[in-house]
């Protein structure tokens, strides 16, 4: 794979790859570091990949191995996040070609939310505000906010899946 193609693909798919790593390690700071490792390895191995390879699948396989290596480095730590089978199962969810379509559908569905729900989604997911702080800011109980977030996530999921199937 040419260097230009590699860089273009890394930039285009950074969110997906880093998102998968975050899902596997449950720590965004660690995920950023591991993404850097993945990018370095892809740069070293770029000649093994063809121009028309399924880039996300190739990156996923490298990322899973990087996560495994990270887990081995943490072997002395008593907490193991996922066993190998679970790790493979979660990683497989990121092996799809419709990320751009999903991102567009999510953007559309989010724009269709009522203002209050859209505000809650932005506070939580765009700004990463903790739920306890959000509840205080919005003058809501923690339970009411948790319920609202659950319902909004479910509505967004249904909307995105419907748009991808071609039903409004």
Protein backbone atom coordinates (compact mmCIF):
# COMPACT_ATOMS: atom_id res chain seq x y z
CA UNK A 1 0.00 0.00 0.00
CA UNK A 2 1.34 3.40 -0.91
CA UNK A 3 2.14 5.74 1.97
CA UNK A 4 -0.37 8.30 0.67
CA UNK A 5 -3.16 5.70 0.66
CA UNK A 6 -2.22 4.54 4.15
CA UNK A 7 -2.25 8.06 5.60
CA UNK A 8 -5.56 8.85 3.90
CA UNK A 9 -7.12 5.67 5.32
CA UNK A 10 -5.73 6.24 8.81
CA UNK A 11 -7.19 9.75 8.86
CA UNK A 12 -10.51 8.63 7.37
CA UNK A 13 -10.97 5.69 9.75
CA UNK A 14 -9.28 7.03 12.90
CA UNK A 15 -12.54 7.37 14.82
CA UNK A 16 -13.63 3.83 14.02
CA UNK A 17 -10.27 2.28 14.90
CA UNK A 18 -9.82 4.34 18.06
CA UNK A 19 -13.46 3.70 19.00
CA UNK A 20 -12.94 -0.03 18.71
CA UNK A 21 -9.80 0.15 20.82
CA UNK A 22 -11.64 2.23 23.42
CA UNK A 23 -14.40 -0.40 23.52
CA UNK A 24 -11.77 -3.07 24.09
CA UNK A 25 -9.76 -1.32 26.81
CA UNK A 26 -12.44 0.93 28.39
CA UNK A 27 -10.04 3.84 28.77
CA UNK A 28 -9.86 6.62 26.18
CA UNK A 29 -6.36 7.74 27.21
CA UNK A 30 -5.01 4.21 26.85
CA UNK A 31 -6.91 3.87 23.56
CA UNK A 32 -5.18 6.98 22.18
CA UNK A 33 -1.78 5.51 23.05
CA UNK A 34 -2.66 2.14 21.57
CA UNK A 35 -4.00 3.80 18.41
CA UNK A 36 -0.57 5.40 17.98
CA UNK A 37 1.00 1.94 18.25
CA UNK A 38 -1.44 0.63 15.67
CA UNK A 39 -0.61 3.49 13.28
CA UNK A 40 3.12 2.83 13.65
CA UNK A 41 2.67 -0.89 13.00
CA UNK A 42 0.48 -0.18 9.95
CA UNK A 43 3.20 2.13 8.64
CA UNK A 44 5.79 -0.61 9.06
CA UNK A 45 3.53 -3.24 7.46
CA UNK A 46 2.00 -1.08 4.72
CA UNK A 47 3.74 -3.01 1.98
CA UNK A 48 1.96 -6.19 3.13
CA UNK A 49 -1.42 -4.59 2.38
CA UNK A 50 -2.78 -4.04 -1.10
CA UNK A 51 -4.31 -0.77 -2.29
CA UNK A 52 -7.77 -2.35 -2.43
CA UNK A 53 -7.65 -4.18 0.90
CA UNK A 54 -10.46 -3.82 3.41
CA UNK A 55 -8.58 -1.24 5.43
CA UNK A 56 -10.74 -1.29 8.58
CA UNK A 57 -10.54 -5.10 8.74
CA UNK A 58 -6.75 -4.94 8.33
CA UNK A 59 -6.47 -2.23 10.99
CA UNK A 60 -8.82 -4.18 13.27
CA UNK A 61 -6.60 -7.26 13.16
CA UNK A 62 -3.55 -5.18 14.02
CA UNK A 63 -5.43 -3.34 16.78
CA UNK A 64 -6.63 -6.60 18.37
CA UNK A 65 -3.03 -7.82 18.53
CA UNK A 66 -1.88 -4.51 20.02
CA UNK A 67 -4.63 -4.77 22.66
CA UNK A 68 -3.58 -8.36 23.41
CA UNK A 69 0.00 -7.20 23.88
CA UNK A 70 -1.19 -4.38 26.16
CA UNK A 71 -3.17 -6.91 28.21
CA UNK A 72 -0.08 -9.10 28.56
CA UNK A 73 1.84 -6.09 29.87
CA UNK A 74 -0.91 -5.67 32.48
CA UNK A 75 -0.93 -9.35 33.41
CA UNK A 76 0.18 -8.55 36.96
CA UNK A 77 -2.88 -6.36 37.43
CA UNK A 78 -5.78 -8.30 38.98
CA UNK A 79 -8.42 -6.83 36.66
CA UNK A 80 -8.82 -8.34 33.20
CA UNK A 81 -11.38 -6.52 31.09
CA UNK A 82 -12.20 -9.19 28.49
CA UNK A 83 -11.10 -12.72 27.77
CA UNK A 84 -9.76 -13.47 24.26
CA UNK A 85 -13.09 -14.79 22.96
CA UNK A 86 -14.94 -11.69 24.15
CA UNK A 87 -12.20 -9.47 22.78
CA UNK A 88 -12.61 -11.07 19.33
CA UNK A 89 -16.40 -10.75 19.53
CA UNK A 90 -16.31 -7.04 20.36
CA UNK A 91 -13.65 -6.37 17.72
CA UNK A 92 -15.73 -8.18 15.07
CA UNK A 93 -18.50 -5.60 15.58
CA UNK A 94 -16.13 -3.00 14.12
CA UNK A 95 -15.50 -5.01 10.97
CA UNK A 96 -18.06 -3.33 8.77
CA UNK A 97 -18.03 -1.10 5.73
CA UNK A 98 -20.96 1.19 6.58
CA UNK A 99 -19.34 3.56 9.09
CA UNK A 100 -19.82 6.67 6.96
CA UNK A 101 -23.48 5.80 6.38
CA UNK A 102 -23.97 5.19 10.10
CA UNK A 103 -22.29 8.47 11.02
CA UNK A 104 -24.52 10.38 8.58
CA UNK A 105 -27.65 8.59 9.84
CA UNK A 106 -26.72 9.35 13.45
CA UNK A 107 -26.14 13.01 12.60
CA UNK A 108 -29.55 13.20 10.94
CA UNK A 109 -31.30 11.36 13.77
CA UNK A 110 -29.64 13.54 16.41
CA UNK A 111 -30.76 16.68 14.58
CA UNK A 112 -34.32 15.34 14.66
CA UNK A 113 -34.35 15.01 18.47
CA UNK A 114 -36.29 17.53 20.56
CA UNK A 115 -34.03 20.34 21.80
CA UNK A 116 -33.81 19.09 25.41
CA UNK A 117 -32.85 15.55 24.36
CA UNK A 118 -30.32 16.86 21.82
CA UNK A 119 -28.81 19.03 24.61
CA UNK A 120 -28.49 15.97 26.87
CA UNK A 121 -26.82 13.93 24.09
CA UNK A 122 -24.36 16.74 23.36
CA UNK A 123 -23.53 17.24 27.03
CA UNK A 124 -22.91 13.56 27.61
CA UNK A 125 -21.31 12.37 24.38
CA UNK A 126 -19.84 15.44 22.68
CA UNK A 127 -18.52 17.06 25.85
CA UNK A 128 -18.13 13.95 28.02
CA UNK A 129 -19.85 15.47 31.02
CA UNK A 130 -20.43 13.07 33.94
CA UNK A 131 -24.07 12.11 34.48
CA UNK A 132 -24.05 13.36 38.08
CA UNK A 133 -22.94 16.84 36.99
CA UNK A 134 -25.45 16.85 34.15
CA UNK A 135 -28.28 15.97 36.51
CA UNK A 136 -27.34 18.87 38.75
CA UNK A 137 -26.99 21.31 35.84
CA UNK A 138 -30.33 20.23 34.34
CA UNK A 139 -32.11 20.14 37.73
CA UNK A 140 -33.01 16.48 37.27
CA UNK A 141 -32.58 13.48 39.49
CA UNK A 142 -29.84 11.06 38.50
CA UNK A 143 -32.46 8.35 37.92
CA UNK A 144 -34.55 10.58 35.65
CA UNK A 145 -31.48 11.49 33.62
CA UNK A 146 -30.38 7.86 33.36
CA UNK A 147 -33.86 6.97 32.09
CA UNK A 148 -33.80 9.83 29.60
CA UNK A 149 -30.38 8.81 28.29
CA UNK A 150 -31.55 5.21 27.92
CA UNK A 151 -34.62 6.26 25.97
CA UNK A 152 -32.70 8.67 23.76
CA UNK A 153 -30.01 6.06 22.98
CA UNK A 154 -32.73 3.55 22.12
CA UNK A 155 -34.54 6.09 19.91
CA UNK A 156 -31.29 6.99 18.14
CA UNK A 157 -30.47 3.32 17.60
CA UNK A 158 -33.90 2.65 16.12
CA UNK A 159 -33.70 5.77 13.94
CA UNK A 160 -30.19 4.92 12.63
CA UNK A 161 -31.14 1.30 11.90
CA UNK A 162 -34.32 2.47 10.16
CA UNK A 163 -32.42 4.95 7.98
CA UNK A 164 -29.87 2.29 7.05
CA UNK A 165 -32.71 -0.06 6.03
CA UNK A 166 -34.25 2.77 4.03
CA UNK A 167 -37.27 3.27 6.27
CA UNK A 168 -37.73 6.66 7.94
